[in-house]
Amino acid sequence: MENETYRLTFFLNATHMVTIDGKNSSIHPHTFEINCFIKSQKFTAFEIMENSINQILNQLNNQYLNELEAFQNIVPTLENLTRLLYRAISANLESVGCKLVELEVAESPVRTFIIKEN
């Protein structure tokens, strides 16, 4: 049996400031590259999957992440952003009959955090 997966790529422009070991970084921008790996038991039009994901990403695009409610209790690191996106995108895709099986979020061409389904 084949292991068939869709990969959809998105870009998210946002700024943030992180605190690591008690030190604050400067406020700085990123163009995050987001790769969603999706499975579906039935044919699902790309537009349906894209719209479902964009509902989440549009809330974050061109925002200062530290000011958003989702990041009031956590630092908007690459890892925490990826975890938040994984949960939100998974829920939206499930509502259209799809399953997010892997999410890659890159803050630069050489820095990527990945969450895979177990």
PDB file of N, CA and C in Angstrom:
ATOM      1  N   MET A   1       0.846  -1.184   0.000  1.00  0.00           N
ATOM      2  CA  MET A   1       0.000   0.000   0.000  1.00  0.00           C
ATOM      3  C   MET A   1       0.889   1.244   0.000  1.00  0.00           C
ATOM      4  N   GLU A   2       0.551   2.196  -0.821  1.00  0.00           N
ATOM      5  CA  GLU A   2       1.312   3.429  -0.921  1.00  0.00           C
ATOM      6  C   GLU A   2       1.077   4.322   0.297  1.00  0.00           C
ATOM      7  N   ASN A   3       2.064   5.104   0.568  1.00  0.00           N
ATOM      8  CA  ASN A   3       1.962   6.092   1.643  1.00  0.00           C
ATOM      9  C   ASN A   3       1.876   7.459   0.967  1.00  0.00           C
ATOM     10  N   GLU A   4       0.675   7.914   0.706  1.00  0.00           N
ATOM     11  CA  GLU A   4       0.464   9.149  -0.045  1.00  0.00           C
ATOM     12  C   GLU A   4       0.198  10.314   0.900  1.00  0.00           C
ATOM     13  N   THR A   5       0.928  11.391   0.660  1.00  0.00           N
ATOM     14  CA  THR A   5       0.822  12.571   1.502  1.00  0.00           C
ATOM     15  C   THR A   5       0.879  13.824   0.640  1.00  0.00           C
ATOM     16  N   TYR A   6       0.053  14.801   0.966  1.00  0.00           N
ATOM     17  CA  TYR A   6       0.135  16.124   0.331  1.00  0.00           C
ATOM     18  C   TYR A   6       1.139  16.961   1.122  1.00  0.00           C
ATOM     19  N   ARG A   7       1.848  17.832   0.420  1.00  0.00           N
ATOM     20  CA  ARG A   7       2.669  18.843   1.092  1.00  0.00           C
ATOM     21  C   ARG A   7       2.238  20.198   0.561  1.00  0.00           C
ATOM     22  N   LEU A   8       1.773  21.037   1.470  1.00  0.00           N
ATOM     23  CA  LEU A   8       1.384  22.396   1.119  1.00  0.00           C
ATOM     24  C   LEU A   8       2.324  23.347   1.841  1.00  0.00           C
ATOM     25  N   THR A   9       2.810  24.361   1.119  1.00  0.00           N
ATOM     26  CA  THR A   9       3.765  25.311   1.669  1.00  0.00           C
ATOM     27  C   THR A   9       3.133  26.690   1.763  1.00  0.00           C
ATOM     28  N   PHE A  10       3.376  27.333   2.900  1.00  0.00           N
ATOM     29  CA  PHE A  10       2.840  28.664   3.173  1.00  0.00           C
ATOM     30  C   PHE A  10       3.958  29.530   3.732  1.00  0.00           C
ATOM     31  N   PHE A  11       3.748  30.834   3.709  1.00  0.00           N
ATOM     32  CA  PHE A  11       4.694  31.775   4.290  1.00  0.00           C
ATOM     33  C   PHE A  11       3.947  32.696   5.234  1.00  0.00           C
ATOM     34  N   LEU A  12       4.570  32.967   6.366  1.00  0.00           N
ATOM     35  CA  LEU A  12       3.975  33.792   7.405  1.00  0.00           C
ATOM     36  C   LEU A  12       4.985  34.871   7.778  1.00  0.00           C
ATOM     37  N   ASN A  13       4.585  36.113   7.632  1.00  0.00           N
ATOM     38  CA  ASN A  13       5.428  37.235   8.037  1.00  0.00           C
ATOM     39  C   ASN A  13       4.987  37.692   9.423  1.00  0.00           C
ATOM     40  N   ALA A  14       5.932  37.687  10.364  1.00  0.00           N
ATOM     41  CA  ALA A  14       5.617  38.110  11.724  1.00  0.00           C
ATOM     42  C   ALA A  14       6.906  38.546  12.416  1.00  0.00           C
ATOM     43  N   THR A  15       6.726  39.332  13.474  1.00  0.00           N
ATOM     44  CA  THR A  15       7.864  39.730  14.295  1.00  0.00           C
ATOM     45  C   THR A  15       7.673  39.156  15.696  1.00  0.00           C
ATOM     46  N   HIS A  16       8.789  39.025  16.391  1.00  0.00           N
ATOM     47  CA  HIS A  16       8.721  38.577  17.773  1.00  0.00           C
ATOM     48  C   HIS A  16       9.982  38.973  18.513  1.00  0.00           C
ATOM     49  N   MET A  17       9.934  38.771  19.810  1.00  0.00           N
ATOM     50  CA  MET A  17      11.069  38.957  20.691  1.00  0.00           C
ATOM     51  C   MET A  17      11.057  37.755  21.614  1.00  0.00           C
ATOM     52  N   VAL A  18      12.198  37.144  21.798  1.00  0.00           N
ATOM     53  CA  VAL A  18      12.254  35.970  22.663  1.00  0.00           C
ATOM     54  C   VAL A  18      13.157  36.243  23.858  1.00  0.00           C
ATOM     55  N   THR A  19      12.883  35.538  24.933  1.00  0.00           N
ATOM     56  CA  THR A  19      13.700  35.611  26.135  1.00  0.00           C
ATOM     57  C   THR A  19      14.318  34.237  26.344  1.00  0.00           C
ATOM     58  N   ILE A  20      15.644  34.204  26.356  1.00  0.00           N
ATOM     59  CA  ILE A  20      16.359  32.945  26.557  1.00  0.00           C
ATOM     60  C   ILE A  20      17.377  33.170  27.655  1.00  0.00           C
ATOM     61  N   ASP A  21      17.321  32.312  28.677  1.00  0.00           N
ATOM     62  CA  ASP A  21      18.218  32.429  29.833  1.00  0.00           C
ATOM     63  C   ASP A  21      18.164  33.827  30.443  1.00  0.00           C
ATOM     64  N   GLY A  22      16.966  34.403  30.504  1.00  0.00           N
ATOM     65  CA  GLY A  22      16.769  35.700  31.122  1.00  0.00           C
ATOM     66  C   GLY A  22      17.172  36.891  30.274  1.00  0.00           C
ATOM     67  N   LYS A  23      17.589  36.653  29.040  1.00  0.00           N
ATOM     68  CA  LYS A  23      18.003  37.744  28.161  1.00  0.00           C
ATOM     69  C   LYS A  23      17.011  37.903  27.024  1.00  0.00           C
ATOM     70  N   ASN A  24      16.590  39.153  26.807  1.00  0.00           N
ATOM     71  CA  ASN A  24      15.651  39.451  25.721  1.00  0.00           C
ATOM     72  C   ASN A  24      16.411  39.721  24.430  1.00  0.00           C
ATOM     73  N   SER A  25      15.906  39.162  23.354  1.00  0.00           N
ATOM     74  CA  SER A  25      16.443  39.502  22.039  1.00  0.00           C
ATOM     75  C   SER A  25      15.832  40.835  21.619  1.00  0.00           C
ATOM     76  N   SER A  26      16.304  41.371  20.541  1.00  0.00           N
ATOM     77  CA  SER A  26      15.643  42.536  19.960  1.00  0.00           C
ATOM     78  C   SER A  26      14.363  42.050  19.274  1.00  0.00           C
ATOM     79  N   ILE A  27      13.460  42.963  19.025  1.00  0.00           N
ATOM     80  CA  ILE A  27      12.275  42.636  18.234  1.00  0.00           C
ATOM     81  C   ILE A  27      12.759  42.504  16.792  1.00  0.00           C
ATOM     82  N   HIS A  28      12.441  41.369  16.194  1.00  0.00           N
ATOM     83  CA  HIS A  28      12.948  41.116  14.844  1.00  0.00           C
ATOM     84  C   HIS A  28      11.921  40.367  14.004  1.00  0.00           C
ATOM     85  N   PRO A  29      11.978  40.561  12.682  1.00  0.00           N
ATOM     86  CA  PRO A  29      11.013  39.931  11.785  1.00  0.00           C
ATOM     87  C   PRO A  29      11.508  38.583  11.260  1.00  0.00           C
ATOM     88  N   HIS A  30      10.539  37.786  10.834  1.00  0.00           N
ATOM     89  CA  HIS A  30      10.822  36.538  10.124  1.00  0.00           C
ATOM     90  C   HIS A  30       9.795  36.384   9.010  1.00  0.00           C
ATOM     91  N   THR A  31      10.205  35.741   7.960  1.00  0.00           N
ATOM     92  CA  THR A  31       9.272  35.160   7.010  1.00  0.00           C
ATOM     93  C   THR A  31       9.371  33.666   7.253  1.00  0.00           C
ATOM     94  N   PHE A  32       8.431  33.150   8.048  1.00  0.00           N
ATOM     95  CA  PHE A  32       8.424  31.733   8.390  1.00  0.00           C
ATOM     96  C   PHE A  32       7.937  30.931   7.181  1.00  0.00           C
ATOM     97  N   GLU A  33       8.648  29.856   6.865  1.00  0.00           N
ATOM     98  CA  GLU A  33       8.181  28.922   5.840  1.00  0.00           C
ATOM     99  C   GLU A  33       7.513  27.764   6.564  1.00  0.00           C
ATOM    100  N   ILE A  34       6.283  27.471   6.176  1.00  0.00           N
ATOM    101  CA  ILE A  34       5.480  26.459   6.853  1.00  0.00           C
ATOM    102  C   ILE A  34       5.110  25.384   5.850  1.00  0.00           C
ATOM    103  N   ASN A  35       5.562  24.153   6.125  1.00  0.00           N
ATOM    104  CA  ASN A  35       5.240  23.007   5.282  1.00  0.00           C
ATOM    105  C   ASN A  35       4.309  22.088   6.048  1.00  0.00           C
ATOM    106  N   CYS A  36       3.130  21.873   5.488  1.00  0.00           N
ATOM    107  CA  CYS A  36       2.129  21.002   6.091  1.00  0.00           C
ATOM    108  C   CYS A  36       2.053  19.719   5.282  1.00  0.00           C
ATOM    109  N   PHE A  37       2.197  18.590   5.951  1.00  0.00           N
ATOM    110  CA  PHE A  37       2.089  17.284   5.320  1.00  0.00           C
ATOM    111  C   PHE A  37       0.754  16.689   5.750  1.00  0.00           C
ATOM    112  N   ILE A  38      -0.087  16.388   4.769  1.00  0.00           N
ATOM    113  CA  ILE A  38      -1.496  16.099   5.044  1.00  0.00           C
ATOM    114  C   ILE A  38      -1.911  14.796   4.372  1.00  0.00           C
ATOM    115  N   LYS A  39      -2.706  14.020   5.086  1.00  0.00           N
ATOM    116  CA  LYS A  39      -3.318  12.810   4.523  1.00  0.00           C
ATOM    117  C   LYS A  39      -4.825  13.007   4.493  1.00  0.00           C
ATOM    118  N   SER A  40      -5.434  12.367   3.499  1.00  0.00           N
ATOM    119  CA  SER A  40      -6.886  12.410   3.379  1.00  0.00           C
ATOM    120  C   SER A  40      -7.371  11.063   2.868  1.00  0.00           C
ATOM    121  N   GLN A  41      -8.433  10.558   3.464  1.00  0.00           N
ATOM    122  CA  GLN A  41      -9.007   9.277   3.039  1.00  0.00           C
ATOM    123  C   GLN A  41      -9.790   9.400   1.739  1.00  0.00           C
ATOM    124  N   LYS A  42     -10.181  10.637   1.411  1.00  0.00           N
ATOM    125  CA  LYS A  42     -10.963  10.873   0.198  1.00  0.00           C
ATOM    126  C   LYS A  42     -10.353  12.045  -0.556  1.00  0.00           C
ATOM    127  N   PHE A  43     -10.768  12.223  -1.778  1.00  0.00           N
ATOM    128  CA  PHE A  43     -10.273  13.362  -2.543  1.00  0.00           C
ATOM    129  C   PHE A  43     -10.711  14.649  -1.857  1.00  0.00           C
ATOM    130  N   THR A  44      -9.751  15.521  -1.626  1.00  0.00           N
ATOM    131  CA  THR A  44     -10.040  16.828  -1.049  1.00  0.00           C
ATOM    132  C   THR A  44      -9.355  17.875  -1.910  1.00  0.00           C
ATOM    133  N   ALA A  45     -10.102  18.830  -2.390  1.00  0.00           N
ATOM    134  CA  ALA A  45      -9.534  19.866  -3.253  1.00  0.00           C
ATOM    135  C   ALA A  45      -8.473  20.646  -2.487  1.00  0.00           C
ATOM    136  N   PHE A  46      -7.398  21.005  -3.204  1.00  0.00           N
ATOM    137  CA  PHE A  46      -6.332  21.792  -2.584  1.00  0.00           C
ATOM    138  C   PHE A  46      -6.898  23.047  -1.923  1.00  0.00           C
ATOM    139  N   GLU A  47      -7.836  23.696  -2.600  1.00  0.00           N
ATOM    140  CA  GLU A  47      -8.402  24.946  -2.087  1.00  0.00           C
ATOM    141  C   GLU A  47      -9.034  24.763  -0.708  1.00  0.00           C
ATOM    142  N   ILE A  48      -9.662  23.636  -0.480  1.00  0.00           N
ATOM    143  CA  ILE A  48     -10.285  23.372   0.824  1.00  0.00           C
ATOM    144  C   ILE A  48      -9.228  23.266   1.907  1.00  0.00           C
ATOM    145  N   MET A  49      -8.149  22.522   1.621  1.00  0.00           N
ATOM    146  CA  MET A  49      -7.067  22.398   2.602  1.00  0.00           C
ATOM    147  C   MET A  49      -6.378  23.749   2.813  1.00  0.00           C
ATOM    148  N   GLU A  50      -6.105  24.464   1.738  1.00  0.00           N
ATOM    149  CA  GLU A  50      -5.440  25.767   1.831  1.00  0.00           C
ATOM    150  C   GLU A  50      -6.272  26.766   2.630  1.00  0.00           C
ATOM    151  N   ASN A  51      -7.562  26.822   2.360  1.00  0.00           N
ATOM    152  CA  ASN A  51      -8.437  27.737   3.097  1.00  0.00           C
ATOM    153  C   ASN A  51      -8.460  27.408   4.582  1.00  0.00           C
ATOM    154  N   SER A  52      -8.477  26.130   4.889  1.00  0.00           N
ATOM    155  CA  SER A  52      -8.493  25.689   6.279  1.00  0.00           C
ATOM    156  C   SER A  52      -7.228  26.139   7.011  1.00  0.00           C
ATOM    157  N   ILE A  53      -6.089  26.031   6.361  1.00  0.00           N
ATOM    158  CA  ILE A  53      -4.814  26.436   6.969  1.00  0.00           C
ATOM    159  C   ILE A  53      -4.703  27.956   7.027  1.00  0.00           C
ATOM    160  N   ASN A  54      -5.118  28.624   5.960  1.00  0.00           N
ATOM    161  CA  ASN A  54      -5.040  30.089   5.931  1.00  0.00           C
ATOM    162  C   ASN A  54      -5.916  30.750   6.995  1.00  0.00           C
ATOM    163  N   GLN A  55      -6.992  30.088   7.422  1.00  0.00           N
ATOM    164  CA  GLN A  55      -7.811  30.634   8.512  1.00  0.00           C
ATOM    165  C   GLN A  55      -6.968  30.839   9.766  1.00  0.00           C
ATOM    166  N   ILE A  56      -6.011  29.962   9.983  1.00  0.00           N
ATOM    167  CA  ILE A  56      -5.116  30.074  11.140  1.00  0.00           C
ATOM    168  C   ILE A  56      -4.009  31.086  10.860  1.00  0.00           C
ATOM    169  N   LEU A  57      -3.343  30.937   9.720  1.00  0.00           N
ATOM    170  CA  LEU A  57      -2.186  31.777   9.420  1.00  0.00           C
ATOM    171  C   LEU A  57      -2.554  33.250   9.273  1.00  0.00           C
ATOM    172  N   ASN A  58      -3.729  33.535   8.740  1.00  0.00           N
ATOM    173  CA  ASN A  58      -4.140  34.929   8.549  1.00  0.00           C
ATOM    174  C   ASN A  58      -4.263  35.679   9.876  1.00  0.00           C
ATOM    175  N   GLN A  59      -4.531  34.959  10.959  1.00  0.00           N
ATOM    176  CA  GLN A  59      -4.626  35.591  12.281  1.00  0.00           C
ATOM    177  C   GLN A  59      -3.252  36.022  12.806  1.00  0.00           C
ATOM    178  N   LEU A  60      -2.190  35.417  12.277  1.00  0.00           N
ATOM    179  CA  LEU A  60      -0.835  35.687  12.753  1.00  0.00           C
ATOM    180  C   LEU A  60      -0.018  36.539  11.784  1.00  0.00           C
ATOM    181  N   ASN A  61      -0.449  36.602  10.538  1.00  0.00           N
ATOM    182  CA  ASN A  61       0.334  37.287   9.510  1.00  0.00           C
ATOM    183  C   ASN A  61       0.463  38.775   9.812  1.00  0.00           C
ATOM    184  N   ASN A  62       1.685  39.276   9.677  1.00  0.00           N
ATOM    185  CA  ASN A  62       2.015  40.692   9.902  1.00  0.00           C
ATOM    186  C   ASN A  62       1.709  41.155  11.325  1.00  0.00           C
ATOM    187  N   GLN A  63       1.834  40.248  12.277  1.00  0.00           N
ATOM    188  CA  GLN A  63       1.574  40.566  13.682  1.00  0.00           C
ATOM    189  C   GLN A  63       2.868  40.519  14.492  1.00  0.00           C
ATOM    190  N   TYR A  64       2.859  41.225  15.610  1.00  0.00           N
ATOM    191  CA  TYR A  64       3.908  41.103  16.618  1.00  0.00           C
ATOM    192  C   TYR A  64       3.433  40.003  17.557  1.00  0.00           C
ATOM    193  N   LEU A  65       4.020  38.826  17.461  1.00  0.00           N
ATOM    194  CA  LEU A  65       3.513  37.641  18.139  1.00  0.00           C
ATOM    195  C   LEU A  65       3.416  37.806  19.652  1.00  0.00           C
ATOM    196  N   ASN A  66       4.348  38.533  20.250  1.00  0.00           N
ATOM    197  CA  ASN A  66       4.347  38.698  21.709  1.00  0.00           C
ATOM    198  C   ASN A  66       3.077  39.354  22.230  1.00  0.00           C
ATOM    199  N   GLU A  67       2.392  40.127  21.404  1.00  0.00           N
ATOM    200  CA  GLU A  67       1.180  40.828  21.841  1.00  0.00           C
ATOM    201  C   GLU A  67      -0.097  40.004  21.672  1.00  0.00           C
ATOM    202  N   LEU A  68       0.001  38.861  21.024  1.00  0.00           N
ATOM    203  CA  LEU A  68      -1.186  38.054  20.786  1.00  0.00           C
ATOM    204  C   LEU A  68      -1.556  37.251  22.027  1.00  0.00           C
ATOM    205  N   GLU A  69      -2.849  37.053  22.215  1.00  0.00           N
ATOM    206  CA  GLU A  69      -3.348  36.317  23.375  1.00  0.00           C
ATOM    207  C   GLU A  69      -2.716  34.928  23.490  1.00  0.00           C
ATOM    208  N   ALA A  70      -2.503  34.271  22.367  1.00  0.00           N
ATOM    209  CA  ALA A  70      -1.937  32.919  22.374  1.00  0.00           C
ATOM    210  C   ALA A  70      -0.543  32.861  22.996  1.00  0.00           C
ATOM    211  N   PHE A  71       0.158  33.990  23.018  1.00  0.00           N
ATOM    212  CA  PHE A  71       1.523  34.019  23.543  1.00  0.00           C
ATOM    213  C   PHE A  71       1.642  34.827  24.837  1.00  0.00           C
ATOM    214  N   GLN A  72       0.546  34.997  25.548  1.00  0.00           N
ATOM    215  CA  GLN A  72       0.612  35.738  26.808  1.00  0.00           C
ATOM    216  C   GLN A  72       1.290  34.945  27.905  1.00  0.00           C
ATOM    217  N   ASN A  73       1.246  33.621  27.835  1.00  0.00           N
ATOM    218  CA  ASN A  73       1.837  32.791  28.883  1.00  0.00           C
ATOM    219  C   ASN A  73       3.023  31.966  28.406  1.00  0.00           C
ATOM    220  N   ILE A  74       3.368  32.095  27.128  1.00  0.00           N
ATOM    221  CA  ILE A  74       4.521  31.377  26.587  1.00  0.00           C
ATOM    222  C   ILE A  74       5.316  32.316  25.687  1.00  0.00           C
ATOM    223  N   VAL A  75       6.600  32.078  25.613  1.00  0.00           N
ATOM    224  CA  VAL A  75       7.480  32.883  24.760  1.00  0.00           C
ATOM    225  C   VAL A  75       7.283  32.415  23.315  1.00  0.00           C
ATOM    226  N   PRO A  76       7.129  33.343  22.367  1.00  0.00           N
ATOM    227  CA  PRO A  76       6.886  32.948  20.979  1.00  0.00           C
ATOM    228  C   PRO A  76       8.159  32.500  20.244  1.00  0.00           C
ATOM    229  N   THR A  77       8.777  31.454  20.783  1.00  0.00           N
ATOM    230  CA  THR A  77       9.932  30.859  20.120  1.00  0.00           C
ATOM    231  C   THR A  77       9.459  30.101  18.884  1.00  0.00           C
ATOM    232  N   LEU A  78      10.394  29.706  18.056  1.00  0.00           N
ATOM    233  CA  LEU A  78      10.067  28.867  16.896  1.00  0.00           C
ATOM    234  C   LEU A  78       9.352  27.601  17.343  1.00  0.00           C
ATOM    235  N   GLU A  79       9.826  26.994  18.415  1.00  0.00           N
ATOM    236  CA  GLU A  79       9.233  25.744  18.902  1.00  0.00           C
ATOM    237  C   GLU A  79       7.800  25.954  19.379  1.00  0.00           C
ATOM    238  N   ASN A  80       7.577  27.011  20.165  1.00  0.00           N
ATOM    239  CA  ASN A  80       6.222  27.271  20.671  1.00  0.00           C
ATOM    240  C   ASN A  80       5.269  27.685  19.549  1.00  0.00           C
ATOM    241  N   LEU A  81       5.762  28.440  18.587  1.00  0.00           N
ATOM    242  CA  LEU A  81       4.932  28.793  17.428  1.00  0.00           C
ATOM    243  C   LEU A  81       4.530  27.537  16.673  1.00  0.00           C
ATOM    244  N   THR A  82       5.468  26.630  16.475  1.00  0.00           N
ATOM    245  CA  THR A  82       5.184  25.393  15.749  1.00  0.00           C
ATOM    246  C   THR A  82       4.156  24.557  16.500  1.00  0.00           C
ATOM    247  N   ARG A  83       4.286  24.453  17.808  1.00  0.00           N
ATOM    248  CA  ARG A  83       3.313  23.687  18.612  1.00  0.00           C
ATOM    249  C   ARG A  83       1.916  24.287  18.507  1.00  0.00           C
ATOM    250  N   LEU A  84       1.837  25.611  18.603  1.00  0.00           N
ATOM    251  CA  LEU A  84       0.545  26.291  18.486  1.00  0.00           C
ATOM    252  C   LEU A  84      -0.068  26.039  17.106  1.00  0.00           C
ATOM    253  N   LEU A  85       0.743  26.193  16.062  1.00  0.00           N
ATOM    254  CA  LEU A  85       0.250  25.970  14.701  1.00  0.00           C
ATOM    255  C   LEU A  85      -0.180  24.523  14.499  1.00  0.00           C
ATOM    256  N   TYR A  86       0.575  23.588  15.029  1.00  0.00           N
ATOM    257  CA  TYR A  86       0.235  22.173  14.869  1.00  0.00           C
ATOM    258  C   TYR A  86      -1.150  21.881  15.439  1.00  0.00           C
ATOM    259  N   ARG A  87      -1.404  22.363  16.647  1.00  0.00           N
ATOM    260  CA  ARG A  87      -2.717  22.115  17.269  1.00  0.00           C
ATOM    261  C   ARG A  87      -3.848  22.780  16.475  1.00  0.00           C
ATOM    262  N   ALA A  88      -3.657  24.039  16.105  1.00  0.00           N
ATOM    263  CA  ALA A  88      -4.720  24.784  15.428  1.00  0.00           C
ATOM    264  C   ALA A  88      -4.969  24.265  14.015  1.00  0.00           C
ATOM    265  N   ILE A  89      -3.906  24.030  13.268  1.00  0.00           N
ATOM    266  CA  ILE A  89      -4.064  23.533  11.892  1.00  0.00           C
ATOM    267  C   ILE A  89      -4.650  22.133  11.905  1.00  0.00           C
ATOM    268  N   SER A  90      -4.197  21.284  12.842  1.00  0.00           N
ATOM    269  CA  SER A  90      -4.749  19.925  12.952  1.00  0.00           C
ATOM    270  C   SER A  90      -6.259  19.963  13.134  1.00  0.00           C
ATOM    271  N   ALA A  91      -6.722  20.801  14.053  1.00  0.00           N
ATOM    272  CA  ALA A  91      -8.161  20.891  14.327  1.00  0.00           C
ATOM    273  C   ALA A  91      -8.919  21.367  13.090  1.00  0.00           C
ATOM    274  N   ASN A  92      -8.398  22.379  12.408  1.00  0.00           N
ATOM    275  CA  ASN A  92      -9.091  22.879  11.213  1.00  0.00           C
ATOM    276  C   ASN A  92      -9.111  21.840  10.102  1.00  0.00           C
ATOM    277  N   LEU A  93      -8.011  21.146   9.893  1.00  0.00           N
ATOM    278  CA  LEU A  93      -7.984  20.130   8.840  1.00  0.00           C
ATOM    279  C   LEU A  93      -8.905  18.961   9.155  1.00  0.00           C
ATOM    280  N   GLU A  94      -8.974  18.573  10.428  1.00  0.00           N
ATOM    281  CA  GLU A  94      -9.881  17.482  10.803  1.00  0.00           C
ATOM    282  C   GLU A  94     -11.327  17.839  10.479  1.00  0.00           C
ATOM    283  N   SER A  95     -11.666  19.109  10.588  1.00  0.00           N
ATOM    284  CA  SER A  95     -13.046  19.531  10.310  1.00  0.00           C
ATOM    285  C   SER A  95     -13.402  19.392   8.828  1.00  0.00           C
ATOM    286  N   VAL A  96     -12.394  19.240   7.953  1.00  0.00           N
ATOM    287  CA  VAL A  96     -12.663  19.034   6.522  1.00  0.00           C
ATOM    288  C   VAL A  96     -12.236  17.635   6.083  1.00  0.00           C
ATOM    289  N   GLY A  97     -12.055  16.729   7.057  1.00  0.00           N
ATOM    290  CA  GLY A  97     -11.774  15.332   6.742  1.00  0.00           C
ATOM    291  C   GLY A  97     -10.320  15.026   6.397  1.00  0.00           C
ATOM    292  N   CYS A  98      -9.392  15.874   6.833  1.00  0.00           N
ATOM    293  CA  CYS A  98      -7.972  15.659   6.549  1.00  0.00           C
ATOM    294  C   CYS A  98      -7.204  15.529   7.854  1.00  0.00           C
ATOM    295  N   LYS A  99      -5.984  14.998   7.761  1.00  0.00           N
ATOM    296  CA  LYS A  99      -5.159  14.812   8.953  1.00  0.00           C
ATOM    297  C   LYS A  99      -3.773  15.386   8.710  1.00  0.00           C
ATOM    298  N   LEU A 100      -3.348  16.289   9.594  1.00  0.00           N
ATOM    299  CA  LEU A 100      -1.992  16.828   9.558  1.00  0.00           C
ATOM    300  C   LEU A 100      -1.072  15.785  10.181  1.00  0.00           C
ATOM    301  N   VAL A 101      -0.115  15.262   9.402  1.00  0.00           N
ATOM    302  CA  VAL A 101       0.765  14.221   9.916  1.00  0.00           C
ATOM    303  C   VAL A 101       2.177  14.736  10.204  1.00  0.00           C
ATOM    304  N   GLU A 102       2.502  15.910   9.672  1.00  0.00           N
ATOM    305  CA  GLU A 102       3.800  16.514   9.946  1.00  0.00           C
ATOM    306  C   GLU A 102       3.707  18.002   9.660  1.00  0.00           C
ATOM    307  N   LEU A 103       4.401  18.773  10.483  1.00  0.00           N
ATOM    308  CA  LEU A 103       4.459  20.214  10.287  1.00  0.00           C
ATOM    309  C   LEU A 103       5.905  20.655  10.455  1.00  0.00           C
ATOM    310  N   GLU A 104       6.411  21.376   9.458  1.00  0.00           N
ATOM    311  CA  GLU A 104       7.747  21.956   9.511  1.00  0.00           C
ATOM    312  C   GLU A 104       7.605  23.466   9.479  1.00  0.00           C
ATOM    313  N   VAL A 105       8.221  24.133  10.436  1.00  0.00           N
ATOM    314  CA  VAL A 105       8.213  25.590  10.453  1.00  0.00           C
ATOM    315  C   VAL A 105       9.668  26.044  10.503  1.00  0.00           C
ATOM    316  N   ALA A 106      10.059  26.834   9.509  1.00  0.00           N
ATOM    317  CA  ALA A 106      11.428  27.340   9.430  1.00  0.00           C
ATOM    318  C   ALA A 106      11.422  28.850   9.632  1.00  0.00           C
ATOM    319  N   GLU A 107      12.320  29.324  10.507  1.00  0.00           N
ATOM    320  CA  GLU A 107      12.444  30.768  10.704  1.00  0.00           C
ATOM    321  C   GLU A 107      13.537  31.344   9.815  1.00  0.00           C
ATOM    322  N   SER A 108      14.331  30.468   9.220  1.00  0.00           N
ATOM    323  CA  SER A 108      15.365  30.848   8.266  1.00  0.00           C
ATOM    324  C   SER A 108      15.670  29.605   7.430  1.00  0.00           C
ATOM    325  N   PRO A 109      16.452  29.760   6.383  1.00  0.00           N
ATOM    326  CA  PRO A 109      16.770  28.568   5.563  1.00  0.00           C
ATOM    327  C   PRO A 109      17.524  27.472   6.314  1.00  0.00           C
ATOM    328  N   VAL A 110      18.122  27.805   7.457  1.00  0.00           N
ATOM    329  CA  VAL A 110      18.911  26.804   8.181  1.00  0.00           C
ATOM    330  C   VAL A 110      18.350  26.454   9.556  1.00  0.00           C
ATOM    331  N   ARG A 111      17.176  26.997   9.924  1.00  0.00           N
ATOM    332  CA  ARG A 111      16.586  26.740  11.240  1.00  0.00           C
ATOM    333  C   ARG A 111      15.133  26.311  11.088  1.00  0.00           C
ATOM    334  N   THR A 112      14.883  25.030  11.343  1.00  0.00           N
ATOM    335  CA  THR A 112      13.552  24.460  11.182  1.00  0.00           C
ATOM    336  C   THR A 112      13.205  23.620  12.412  1.00  0.00           C
ATOM    337  N   PHE A 113      11.944  23.695  12.843  1.00  0.00           N
ATOM    338  CA  PHE A 113      11.438  22.843  13.912  1.00  0.00           C
ATOM    339  C   PHE A 113      10.325  21.995  13.313  1.00  0.00           C
ATOM    340  N   ILE A 114      10.316  20.701  13.644  1.00  0.00           N
ATOM    341  CA  ILE A 114       9.393  19.750  13.019  1.00  0.00           C
ATOM    342  C   ILE A 114       8.613  19.002  14.085  1.00  0.00           C
ATOM    343  N   ILE A 115       7.313  18.871  13.857  1.00  0.00           N
ATOM    344  CA  ILE A 115       6.466  18.010  14.678  1.00  0.00           C
ATOM    345  C   ILE A 115       5.862  16.968  13.743  1.00  0.00           C
ATOM    346  N   LYS A 116       6.034  15.691  14.119  1.00  0.00           N
ATOM    347  CA  LYS A 116       5.481  14.578  13.336  1.00  0.00           C
ATOM    348  C   LYS A 116       4.488  13.805  14.188  1.00  0.00           C
ATOM    349  N   GLU A 117       3.471  13.289  13.523  1.00  0.00           N
ATOM    350  CA  GLU A 117       2.519  12.409  14.185  1.00  0.00           C
ATOM    351  C   GLU A 117       3.256  11.156  14.631  1.00  0.00           C
ATOM    352  N   ASN A 118       2.915  10.637  15.807  1.00  0.00           N
ATOM    353  CA  ASN A 118       3.538   9.395  16.291  1.00  0.00           C
ATOM    354  C   ASN A 118       3.026   8.196  15.568  1.00  0.00           C
TER     355      ASN A 118
END
